[in-house]
Structures are given as structure tokens and as C-alpha cells.
Amino acid sequence: MHFSITELLLIAFIVLILFGTKRLRNVGGDLGTALRDFKKALRGDDSGDKPDDKTPPQDKP
């Protein structure tokens, strides 16, 4: 099944009208975050934004 450029533009225009730009921006951001978290999980990289509870807090001088 092949789409021409005009069909793709028409579909994109309809999606833009249905959802609006703000909602599409939020969906894009959420999708990016989900993909980034998925890649981290595949690598086994658990170092996130949260500090480990095992390390003691450092005192400021």
C-alpha cells in the first residue's frame, strides 16, 4: 500500500484539525519521553533523575 505525497499531506492536515497543535505537541513530547525511558530500560541504565537512597547526603561547608 503506497501513499502519494498529497495523500500524506491530506492525512496530516486532517489530524492537525482534529487534535490541534497543542495536543499534538504534548503527544510528541510524551512519545519522546516514553522512547527514551524504553531505551534506558533496554540498556539496563537505572540511573535516573532520582538519587540513590543508599548514598548519604553530602554536607555543604
N, C-alpha and C. Protein backbone atom coordinates (compact mmCIF):
# COMPACT_ATOMS: atom_id res chain seq x y z
N MET A 1 0.85 -1.18 0.00
CA MET A 1 0.00 0.00 0.00
C MET A 1 0.89 1.23 0.00
N HIS A 2 0.84 2.00 -1.04
CA HIS A 2 1.68 3.17 -1.19
C HIS A 2 0.83 4.43 -1.15
N PHE A 3 1.34 5.43 -0.41
CA PHE A 3 0.67 6.71 -0.31
C PHE A 3 1.45 7.73 -1.12
N SER A 4 0.74 8.58 -1.82
CA SER A 4 1.40 9.68 -2.50
C SER A 4 1.59 10.83 -1.51
N ILE A 5 2.39 11.81 -1.90
CA ILE A 5 2.66 12.94 -1.02
C ILE A 5 1.39 13.74 -0.74
N THR A 6 0.50 13.84 -1.69
CA THR A 6 -0.73 14.60 -1.46
C THR A 6 -1.64 13.88 -0.47
N GLU A 7 -1.68 12.56 -0.52
CA GLU A 7 -2.48 11.81 0.45
C GLU A 7 -1.92 11.96 1.85
N LEU A 8 -0.59 11.91 1.98
CA LEU A 8 0.03 12.09 3.29
C LEU A 8 -0.22 13.48 3.86
N LEU A 9 -0.13 14.50 2.99
CA LEU A 9 -0.40 15.86 3.44
C LEU A 9 -1.86 16.03 3.85
N LEU A 10 -2.76 15.41 3.13
CA LEU A 10 -4.17 15.48 3.48
C LEU A 10 -4.44 14.81 4.83
N ILE A 11 -3.83 13.67 5.06
CA ILE A 11 -3.99 12.97 6.35
C ILE A 11 -3.41 13.82 7.48
N ALA A 12 -2.24 14.41 7.26
CA ALA A 12 -1.62 15.26 8.28
C ALA A 12 -2.50 16.48 8.58
N PHE A 13 -3.09 17.06 7.57
CA PHE A 13 -3.97 18.22 7.75
C PHE A 13 -5.21 17.84 8.55
N ILE A 14 -5.79 16.69 8.26
CA ILE A 14 -6.99 16.24 8.99
C ILE A 14 -6.65 15.97 10.45
N VAL A 15 -5.50 15.33 10.69
CA VAL A 15 -5.07 15.06 12.08
C VAL A 15 -4.84 16.38 12.82
N LEU A 16 -4.24 17.34 12.15
CA LEU A 16 -3.99 18.64 12.76
C LEU A 16 -5.29 19.34 13.13
N ILE A 17 -6.29 19.25 12.27
CA ILE A 17 -7.59 19.86 12.56
C ILE A 17 -8.28 19.14 13.72
N LEU A 18 -8.22 17.82 13.73
CA LEU A 18 -8.91 17.06 14.77
C LEU A 18 -8.31 17.27 16.16
N PHE A 19 -6.99 17.26 16.24
CA PHE A 19 -6.35 17.30 17.55
C PHE A 19 -5.81 18.67 17.94
N GLY A 20 -5.48 19.50 17.00
CA GLY A 20 -4.94 20.81 17.32
C GLY A 20 -3.44 20.74 17.59
N THR A 21 -2.78 21.87 17.49
CA THR A 21 -1.32 21.88 17.60
C THR A 21 -0.85 21.63 19.03
N LYS A 22 -1.57 22.15 20.01
CA LYS A 22 -1.12 21.99 21.40
C LYS A 22 -1.17 20.53 21.82
N ARG A 23 -2.23 19.85 21.49
CA ARG A 23 -2.35 18.45 21.86
C ARG A 23 -1.32 17.59 21.14
N LEU A 24 -1.06 17.89 19.87
CA LEU A 24 -0.05 17.14 19.12
C LEU A 24 1.34 17.36 19.70
N ARG A 25 1.63 18.58 20.16
CA ARG A 25 2.91 18.86 20.79
C ARG A 25 3.07 18.04 22.06
N ASN A 26 2.00 17.94 22.85
CA ASN A 26 2.06 17.15 24.08
C ASN A 26 2.25 15.68 23.77
N VAL A 27 1.56 15.19 22.75
CA VAL A 27 1.71 13.78 22.37
C VAL A 27 3.13 13.51 21.91
N GLY A 28 3.71 14.42 21.14
CA GLY A 28 5.08 14.26 20.67
C GLY A 28 6.07 14.22 21.83
N GLY A 29 5.89 15.09 22.80
CA GLY A 29 6.76 15.10 23.97
C GLY A 29 6.63 13.83 24.80
N ASP A 30 5.40 13.38 24.98
CA ASP A 30 5.17 12.15 25.73
C ASP A 30 5.75 10.94 25.01
N LEU A 31 5.64 10.93 23.70
CA LEU A 31 6.19 9.83 22.92
C LEU A 31 7.71 9.82 23.01
N GLY A 32 8.33 10.97 22.96
CA GLY A 32 9.78 11.07 23.10
C GLY A 32 10.25 10.60 24.46
N THR A 33 9.55 10.98 25.50
CA THR A 33 9.89 10.54 26.85
C THR A 33 9.74 9.03 27.00
N ALA A 34 8.68 8.49 26.43
CA ALA A 34 8.46 7.05 26.51
C ALA A 34 9.55 6.29 25.78
N LEU A 35 9.95 6.77 24.60
CA LEU A 35 11.02 6.10 23.86
C LEU A 35 12.34 6.17 24.60
N ARG A 36 12.64 7.32 25.21
CA ARG A 36 13.88 7.47 25.96
C ARG A 36 13.90 6.52 27.16
N ASP A 37 12.78 6.42 27.87
CA ASP A 37 12.71 5.51 29.01
C ASP A 37 12.81 4.06 28.57
N PHE A 38 12.22 3.74 27.43
CA PHE A 38 12.28 2.38 26.91
C PHE A 38 13.72 2.01 26.55
N LYS A 39 14.44 2.92 25.92
CA LYS A 39 15.84 2.66 25.57
C LYS A 39 16.69 2.49 26.82
N LYS A 40 16.43 3.30 27.85
CA LYS A 40 17.16 3.16 29.11
C LYS A 40 16.91 1.79 29.73
N ALA A 41 15.66 1.33 29.67
CA ALA A 41 15.32 0.03 30.24
C ALA A 41 16.00 -1.10 29.47
N LEU A 42 16.11 -0.96 28.16
CA LEU A 42 16.78 -1.99 27.36
C LEU A 42 18.26 -2.07 27.69
N ARG A 43 18.90 -0.92 27.94
CA ARG A 43 20.32 -0.90 28.28
C ARG A 43 20.55 -1.32 29.72
N GLY A 44 19.53 -1.30 30.54
CA GLY A 44 19.69 -1.59 31.95
C GLY A 44 20.21 -0.40 32.72
N ASP A 45 20.06 0.77 32.15
CA ASP A 45 20.53 2.01 32.78
C ASP A 45 19.45 2.50 33.73
N ASP A 46 19.65 2.22 35.02
CA ASP A 46 18.66 2.62 36.02
C ASP A 46 18.97 3.96 36.66
N SER A 47 20.07 4.58 36.28
CA SER A 47 20.42 5.86 36.87
C SER A 47 19.53 6.93 36.28
N GLY A 48 18.53 7.32 37.03
CA GLY A 48 17.58 8.31 36.56
C GLY A 48 17.78 9.64 37.24
N ASP A 49 16.74 10.40 37.34
CA ASP A 49 16.82 11.70 37.98
C ASP A 49 16.85 11.58 39.50
N LYS A 50 16.43 10.44 40.01
CA LYS A 50 16.37 10.26 41.45
C LYS A 50 17.72 9.78 41.99
N PRO A 51 18.22 10.38 43.07
CA PRO A 51 19.47 9.88 43.65
C PRO A 51 19.22 8.58 44.42
N ASP A 52 20.25 7.79 44.56
CA ASP A 52 20.13 6.54 45.30
C ASP A 52 19.88 6.84 46.77
N ASP A 53 19.07 6.01 47.41
CA ASP A 53 18.81 6.18 48.83
C ASP A 53 19.98 5.69 49.67
N LYS A 54 20.86 4.89 49.08
CA LYS A 54 21.97 4.31 49.82
C LYS A 54 23.10 5.30 50.06
N THR A 55 23.25 6.29 49.20
CA THR A 55 24.34 7.24 49.37
C THR A 55 23.92 8.31 50.37
N PRO A 56 24.79 8.60 51.31
CA PRO A 56 24.44 9.64 52.30
C PRO A 56 24.51 11.02 51.68
N PRO A 57 23.69 11.93 52.14
CA PRO A 57 23.73 13.29 51.60
C PRO A 57 25.04 13.98 51.98
N GLN A 58 25.56 14.78 51.08
CA GLN A 58 26.82 15.48 51.35
C GLN A 58 26.53 16.77 52.05
N ASP A 59 27.34 17.06 53.07
CA ASP A 59 27.19 18.30 53.83
C ASP A 59 27.90 19.42 53.09
N LYS A 60 27.26 20.57 53.08
CA LYS A 60 27.88 21.75 52.47
C LYS A 60 28.76 22.43 53.50
N PRO A 61 29.96 22.85 53.10
CA PRO A 61 30.87 23.51 54.08
C PRO A 61 30.42 24.89 54.46
